[in-house]
Amino acid sequence: MLSEEVRSSPEKLKRLLSADFMEIGVSGRCFYLKDVLEQLTYNSKLIAYIQGVQFFRLSNTLIQLIYQLKSKKDEADKFTFSQRTSLWRKENNRWKMFYHQATACGVTKS
């Protein structure tokens, strides 16, 4: 989801995101699949580093990821830090994200 290759391709994003996808962004705003497809493909140059990944199998068809993200939109920006969680479910033998939440935070481990 964080690579430019995926973020710039609506087809690849649709393979990873459920039709009922919902995100609560760092701003607190809600975004749905249509919104994310438009925004991610338009802003695909994200520079991002993931750390502190935790994986929880909630059932045979449901997993949760929790991680910290250090990111910026381009080289000129300053890094921002956020705590992230996403829920993935197995749909037709394929894992798809149906929920994502980002919470802004101060400084994380670098």
N, C-alpha and C. Protein backbone atom coordinates (compact mmCIF):
# COMPACT_ATOMS: atom_id res chain seq x y z
N MET A 1 0.81 -1.20 0.00
CA MET A 1 0.00 0.00 0.00
C MET A 1 0.85 1.26 0.00
N LEU A 2 2.07 1.19 0.49
CA LEU A 2 2.89 2.39 0.59
C LEU A 2 3.81 2.60 -0.60
N SER A 3 3.92 1.61 -1.47
CA SER A 3 4.83 1.77 -2.61
C SER A 3 4.18 2.63 -3.69
N GLU A 4 5.00 3.37 -4.41
CA GLU A 4 4.50 4.21 -5.50
C GLU A 4 3.84 3.34 -6.57
N GLU A 5 4.38 2.16 -6.80
CA GLU A 5 3.82 1.24 -7.80
C GLU A 5 2.36 0.90 -7.50
N VAL A 6 2.05 0.64 -6.25
CA VAL A 6 0.68 0.31 -5.86
C VAL A 6 -0.17 1.58 -5.77
N ARG A 7 0.35 2.61 -5.13
CA ARG A 7 -0.41 3.84 -4.90
C ARG A 7 -0.80 4.53 -6.21
N SER A 8 -0.04 4.33 -7.27
CA SER A 8 -0.34 4.99 -8.54
C SER A 8 -1.22 4.14 -9.45
N SER A 9 -1.68 3.00 -8.98
CA SER A 9 -2.46 2.09 -9.81
C SER A 9 -3.83 1.78 -9.19
N PRO A 10 -4.91 2.34 -9.74
CA PRO A 10 -6.23 2.01 -9.21
C PRO A 10 -6.52 0.51 -9.23
N GLU A 11 -6.03 -0.18 -10.25
CA GLU A 11 -6.26 -1.62 -10.35
C GLU A 11 -5.59 -2.37 -9.19
N LYS A 12 -4.35 -2.01 -8.88
CA LYS A 12 -3.64 -2.67 -7.78
C LYS A 12 -4.28 -2.31 -6.44
N LEU A 13 -4.70 -1.07 -6.28
CA LEU A 13 -5.37 -0.67 -5.05
C LEU A 13 -6.67 -1.43 -4.85
N LYS A 14 -7.44 -1.61 -5.92
CA LYS A 14 -8.71 -2.34 -5.82
C LYS A 14 -8.49 -3.80 -5.45
N ARG A 15 -7.33 -4.37 -5.82
CA ARG A 15 -7.03 -5.75 -5.43
C ARG A 15 -6.73 -5.86 -3.94
N LEU A 16 -6.30 -4.75 -3.32
CA LEU A 16 -5.94 -4.76 -1.89
C LEU A 16 -7.02 -4.20 -0.98
N LEU A 17 -7.93 -3.40 -1.53
CA LEU A 17 -8.95 -2.75 -0.71
C LEU A 17 -10.32 -3.35 -0.99
N SER A 18 -11.06 -3.59 0.08
CA SER A 18 -12.41 -4.13 -0.02
C SER A 18 -13.36 -3.08 -0.60
N ALA A 19 -14.44 -3.53 -1.20
CA ALA A 19 -15.43 -2.61 -1.77
C ALA A 19 -16.04 -1.73 -0.68
N ASP A 20 -16.08 -2.20 0.57
CA ASP A 20 -16.64 -1.40 1.67
C ASP A 20 -15.54 -0.75 2.52
N PHE A 21 -14.38 -0.54 1.94
CA PHE A 21 -13.25 0.05 2.65
C PHE A 21 -13.61 1.40 3.26
N MET A 22 -13.12 1.62 4.49
CA MET A 22 -13.27 2.90 5.18
C MET A 22 -11.98 3.21 5.91
N GLU A 23 -11.58 4.47 5.87
CA GLU A 23 -10.39 4.93 6.58
C GLU A 23 -10.74 6.15 7.41
N ILE A 24 -10.18 6.19 8.61
CA ILE A 24 -10.21 7.41 9.40
C ILE A 24 -8.79 7.96 9.34
N GLY A 25 -8.63 9.07 8.67
CA GLY A 25 -7.30 9.63 8.44
C GLY A 25 -6.76 10.36 9.65
N VAL A 26 -5.51 10.80 9.56
CA VAL A 26 -4.85 11.54 10.63
C VAL A 26 -5.67 12.78 11.00
N SER A 27 -6.34 13.36 10.02
CA SER A 27 -7.15 14.57 10.25
C SER A 27 -8.44 14.27 11.00
N GLY A 28 -8.80 12.99 11.08
CA GLY A 28 -10.07 12.62 11.70
C GLY A 28 -11.19 12.46 10.68
N ARG A 29 -10.92 12.82 9.44
CA ARG A 29 -11.92 12.68 8.38
C ARG A 29 -12.05 11.23 7.95
N CYS A 30 -13.24 10.88 7.49
CA CYS A 30 -13.49 9.53 6.97
C CYS A 30 -13.31 9.53 5.45
N PHE A 31 -12.71 8.48 4.96
CA PHE A 31 -12.51 8.29 3.53
C PHE A 31 -13.02 6.90 3.16
N TYR A 32 -13.55 6.79 1.96
CA TYR A 32 -14.06 5.51 1.48
C TYR A 32 -13.28 5.11 0.23
N LEU A 33 -13.57 3.95 -0.30
CA LEU A 33 -12.79 3.43 -1.42
C LEU A 33 -12.64 4.45 -2.55
N LYS A 34 -13.73 5.06 -2.96
CA LYS A 34 -13.67 6.04 -4.06
C LYS A 34 -12.71 7.18 -3.73
N ASP A 35 -12.80 7.69 -2.51
CA ASP A 35 -11.92 8.79 -2.09
C ASP A 35 -10.46 8.38 -2.14
N VAL A 36 -10.18 7.20 -1.59
CA VAL A 36 -8.79 6.72 -1.52
C VAL A 36 -8.23 6.49 -2.91
N LEU A 37 -9.01 5.91 -3.80
CA LEU A 37 -8.54 5.69 -5.17
C LEU A 37 -8.17 7.00 -5.84
N GLU A 38 -8.97 8.02 -5.63
CA GLU A 38 -8.69 9.32 -6.24
C GLU A 38 -7.46 9.98 -5.60
N GLN A 39 -7.38 9.98 -4.28
CA GLN A 39 -6.30 10.68 -3.59
C GLN A 39 -4.96 9.96 -3.71
N LEU A 40 -4.95 8.65 -3.55
CA LEU A 40 -3.67 7.94 -3.59
C LEU A 40 -3.06 7.98 -4.97
N THR A 41 -3.86 7.81 -6.00
CA THR A 41 -3.28 7.83 -7.34
C THR A 41 -2.80 9.23 -7.70
N TYR A 42 -3.40 10.27 -7.12
CA TYR A 42 -2.97 11.64 -7.37
C TYR A 42 -1.71 11.97 -6.56
N ASN A 43 -1.60 11.46 -5.34
CA ASN A 43 -0.47 11.73 -4.45
C ASN A 43 0.34 10.47 -4.23
N SER A 44 0.96 9.94 -5.25
CA SER A 44 1.63 8.65 -5.15
C SER A 44 3.10 8.72 -4.76
N LYS A 45 3.66 9.89 -4.54
CA LYS A 45 5.10 10.05 -4.28
C LYS A 45 5.47 10.03 -2.80
N LEU A 46 4.70 9.38 -2.00
CA LEU A 46 4.93 9.32 -0.56
C LEU A 46 6.29 8.69 -0.23
N ILE A 47 6.98 9.26 0.75
CA ILE A 47 8.21 8.68 1.29
C ILE A 47 7.84 8.17 2.68
N ALA A 48 7.95 6.86 2.90
CA ALA A 48 7.43 6.30 4.15
C ALA A 48 8.33 5.19 4.68
N TYR A 49 8.38 5.13 6.01
CA TYR A 49 9.13 4.09 6.71
C TYR A 49 8.21 3.51 7.79
N ILE A 50 8.12 2.20 7.83
CA ILE A 50 7.29 1.51 8.81
C ILE A 50 8.18 0.95 9.91
N GLN A 51 7.69 1.00 11.14
CA GLN A 51 8.42 0.39 12.26
C GLN A 51 7.42 -0.13 13.28
N GLY A 52 7.87 -1.01 14.14
CA GLY A 52 7.06 -1.53 15.23
C GLY A 52 5.84 -2.31 14.78
N VAL A 53 5.97 -3.10 13.73
CA VAL A 53 4.83 -3.84 13.19
C VAL A 53 4.41 -4.95 14.14
N GLN A 54 3.11 -4.99 14.41
CA GLN A 54 2.51 -6.08 15.19
C GLN A 54 1.40 -6.68 14.34
N PHE A 55 1.31 -8.00 14.37
CA PHE A 55 0.34 -8.73 13.56
C PHE A 55 -0.49 -9.60 14.49
N PHE A 56 -1.81 -9.51 14.37
CA PHE A 56 -2.71 -10.31 15.21
C PHE A 56 -3.70 -11.06 14.33
N ARG A 57 -3.73 -12.38 14.46
CA ARG A 57 -4.74 -13.17 13.76
C ARG A 57 -5.95 -13.23 14.68
N LEU A 58 -7.03 -12.56 14.28
CA LEU A 58 -8.24 -12.50 15.09
C LEU A 58 -9.16 -13.69 14.81
N SER A 59 -9.06 -14.24 13.60
CA SER A 59 -9.78 -15.46 13.22
C SER A 59 -9.11 -15.97 11.95
N ASN A 60 -9.65 -17.03 11.38
CA ASN A 60 -9.07 -17.55 10.14
C ASN A 60 -9.25 -16.62 8.96
N THR A 61 -10.19 -15.69 9.08
CA THR A 61 -10.47 -14.78 7.97
C THR A 61 -10.32 -13.31 8.34
N LEU A 62 -9.67 -13.03 9.48
CA LEU A 62 -9.54 -11.65 9.94
C LEU A 62 -8.19 -11.43 10.63
N ILE A 63 -7.44 -10.43 10.17
CA ILE A 63 -6.17 -10.07 10.80
C ILE A 63 -6.13 -8.56 11.05
N GLN A 64 -5.31 -8.20 12.03
CA GLN A 64 -5.10 -6.79 12.36
C GLN A 64 -3.61 -6.50 12.32
N LEU A 65 -3.26 -5.39 11.70
CA LEU A 65 -1.88 -4.90 11.71
C LEU A 65 -1.85 -3.59 12.49
N ILE A 66 -0.83 -3.43 13.32
CA ILE A 66 -0.60 -2.18 14.04
C ILE A 66 0.86 -1.82 13.80
N TYR A 67 1.11 -0.56 13.45
CA TYR A 67 2.49 -0.13 13.19
C TYR A 67 2.59 1.38 13.31
N GLN A 68 3.81 1.86 13.33
CA GLN A 68 4.09 3.29 13.31
C GLN A 68 4.62 3.65 11.94
N LEU A 69 4.23 4.82 11.48
CA LEU A 69 4.65 5.28 10.16
C LEU A 69 5.33 6.64 10.28
N LYS A 70 6.51 6.73 9.68
CA LYS A 70 7.25 7.98 9.53
C LYS A 70 7.13 8.33 8.06
N SER A 71 6.52 9.47 7.73
CA SER A 71 6.26 9.74 6.31
C SER A 71 6.33 11.23 5.98
N LYS A 72 6.50 11.49 4.69
CA LYS A 72 6.40 12.84 4.14
C LYS A 72 5.98 12.72 2.68
N LYS A 73 5.34 13.78 2.19
CA LYS A 73 4.78 13.73 0.84
C LYS A 73 5.82 13.91 -0.25
N ASP A 74 6.92 14.60 0.05
CA ASP A 74 8.02 14.75 -0.90
C ASP A 74 9.28 15.15 -0.14
N GLU A 75 10.36 15.26 -0.85
CA GLU A 75 11.67 15.54 -0.23
C GLU A 75 11.68 16.85 0.55
N ALA A 76 10.91 17.83 0.13
CA ALA A 76 10.93 19.15 0.78
C ALA A 76 10.18 19.17 2.11
N ASP A 77 9.27 18.24 2.32
CA ASP A 77 8.46 18.21 3.55
C ASP A 77 9.26 17.70 4.74
N LYS A 78 8.74 17.99 5.94
CA LYS A 78 9.26 17.38 7.16
C LYS A 78 8.51 16.09 7.40
N PHE A 79 9.16 15.17 8.09
CA PHE A 79 8.51 13.90 8.42
C PHE A 79 7.40 14.12 9.44
N THR A 80 6.32 13.38 9.28
CA THR A 80 5.27 13.30 10.29
C THR A 80 5.26 11.87 10.82
N PHE A 81 4.69 11.70 12.00
CA PHE A 81 4.65 10.39 12.63
C PHE A 81 3.21 10.05 12.98
N SER A 82 2.85 8.79 12.76
CA SER A 82 1.49 8.36 13.08
C SER A 82 1.50 6.90 13.52
N GLN A 83 0.51 6.60 14.34
CA GLN A 83 0.24 5.23 14.75
C GLN A 83 -0.87 4.74 13.82
N ARG A 84 -0.73 3.54 13.29
CA ARG A 84 -1.67 3.03 12.29
C ARG A 84 -2.19 1.66 12.69
N THR A 85 -3.43 1.41 12.32
CA THR A 85 -3.98 0.07 12.46
C THR A 85 -4.85 -0.22 11.25
N SER A 86 -4.83 -1.43 10.79
CA SER A 86 -5.68 -1.83 9.68
C SER A 86 -6.24 -3.22 9.95
N LEU A 87 -7.45 -3.42 9.45
CA LEU A 87 -8.10 -4.71 9.54
C LEU A 87 -8.24 -5.28 8.14
N TRP A 88 -7.85 -6.54 8.00
CA TRP A 88 -7.87 -7.24 6.72
C TRP A 88 -8.74 -8.48 6.87
N ARG A 89 -9.55 -8.76 5.86
CA ARG A 89 -10.33 -10.00 5.89
C ARG A 89 -10.14 -10.75 4.58
N LYS A 90 -10.32 -12.04 4.68
CA LYS A 90 -10.16 -12.90 3.52
C LYS A 90 -11.47 -12.87 2.73
N GLU A 91 -11.38 -12.43 1.49
CA GLU A 91 -12.53 -12.36 0.59
C GLU A 91 -12.19 -13.14 -0.67
N ASN A 92 -12.92 -14.21 -0.92
CA ASN A 92 -12.66 -15.04 -2.12
C ASN A 92 -11.19 -15.45 -2.20
N ASN A 93 -10.66 -15.96 -1.08
CA ASN A 93 -9.26 -16.43 -0.98
C ASN A 93 -8.22 -15.35 -1.20
N ARG A 94 -8.58 -14.10 -0.99
CA ARG A 94 -7.65 -12.98 -1.14
C ARG A 94 -7.81 -12.06 0.07
N TRP A 95 -6.67 -11.63 0.65
CA TRP A 95 -6.71 -10.70 1.78
C TRP A 95 -6.96 -9.29 1.28
N LYS A 96 -7.96 -8.63 1.87
CA LYS A 96 -8.28 -7.25 1.50
C LYS A 96 -8.47 -6.42 2.76
N MET A 97 -7.96 -5.20 2.70
CA MET A 97 -8.12 -4.28 3.82
C MET A 97 -9.52 -3.66 3.73
N PHE A 98 -10.25 -3.69 4.87
CA PHE A 98 -11.57 -3.07 4.88
C PHE A 98 -11.65 -1.90 5.86
N TYR A 99 -10.63 -1.74 6.72
CA TYR A 99 -10.64 -0.64 7.67
C TYR A 99 -9.21 -0.21 7.95
N HIS A 100 -9.02 1.10 8.02
CA HIS A 100 -7.70 1.65 8.35
C HIS A 100 -7.89 2.91 9.19
N GLN A 101 -7.04 3.07 10.20
CA GLN A 101 -7.09 4.28 11.01
C GLN A 101 -5.68 4.77 11.27
N ALA A 102 -5.49 6.08 11.12
CA ALA A 102 -4.21 6.72 11.37
C ALA A 102 -4.40 7.76 12.46
N THR A 103 -3.53 7.73 13.45
CA THR A 103 -3.58 8.69 14.54
C THR A 103 -2.24 9.41 14.61
N ALA A 104 -2.27 10.73 14.50
CA ALA A 104 -1.04 11.51 14.57
C ALA A 104 -0.42 11.35 15.96
N CYS A 105 0.89 11.31 15.99
CA CYS A 105 1.57 11.23 17.28
C CYS A 105 2.85 12.05 17.20
N GLY A 106 3.45 12.26 18.32
CA GLY A 106 4.69 13.03 18.37
C GLY A 106 5.82 12.25 17.71
N VAL A 107 6.87 12.11 18.39
CA VAL A 107 8.05 11.44 17.86
C VAL A 107 8.01 9.96 18.25
N THR A 108 8.35 9.13 17.28
CA THR A 108 8.50 7.70 17.54
C THR A 108 9.98 7.37 17.47
N LYS A 109 10.31 6.13 17.70
CA LYS A 109 11.70 5.69 17.55
C LYS A 109 12.13 5.90 16.12
N SER A 110 13.33 6.37 15.90
CA SER A 110 13.80 6.60 14.53
C SER A 110 14.57 5.42 14.01
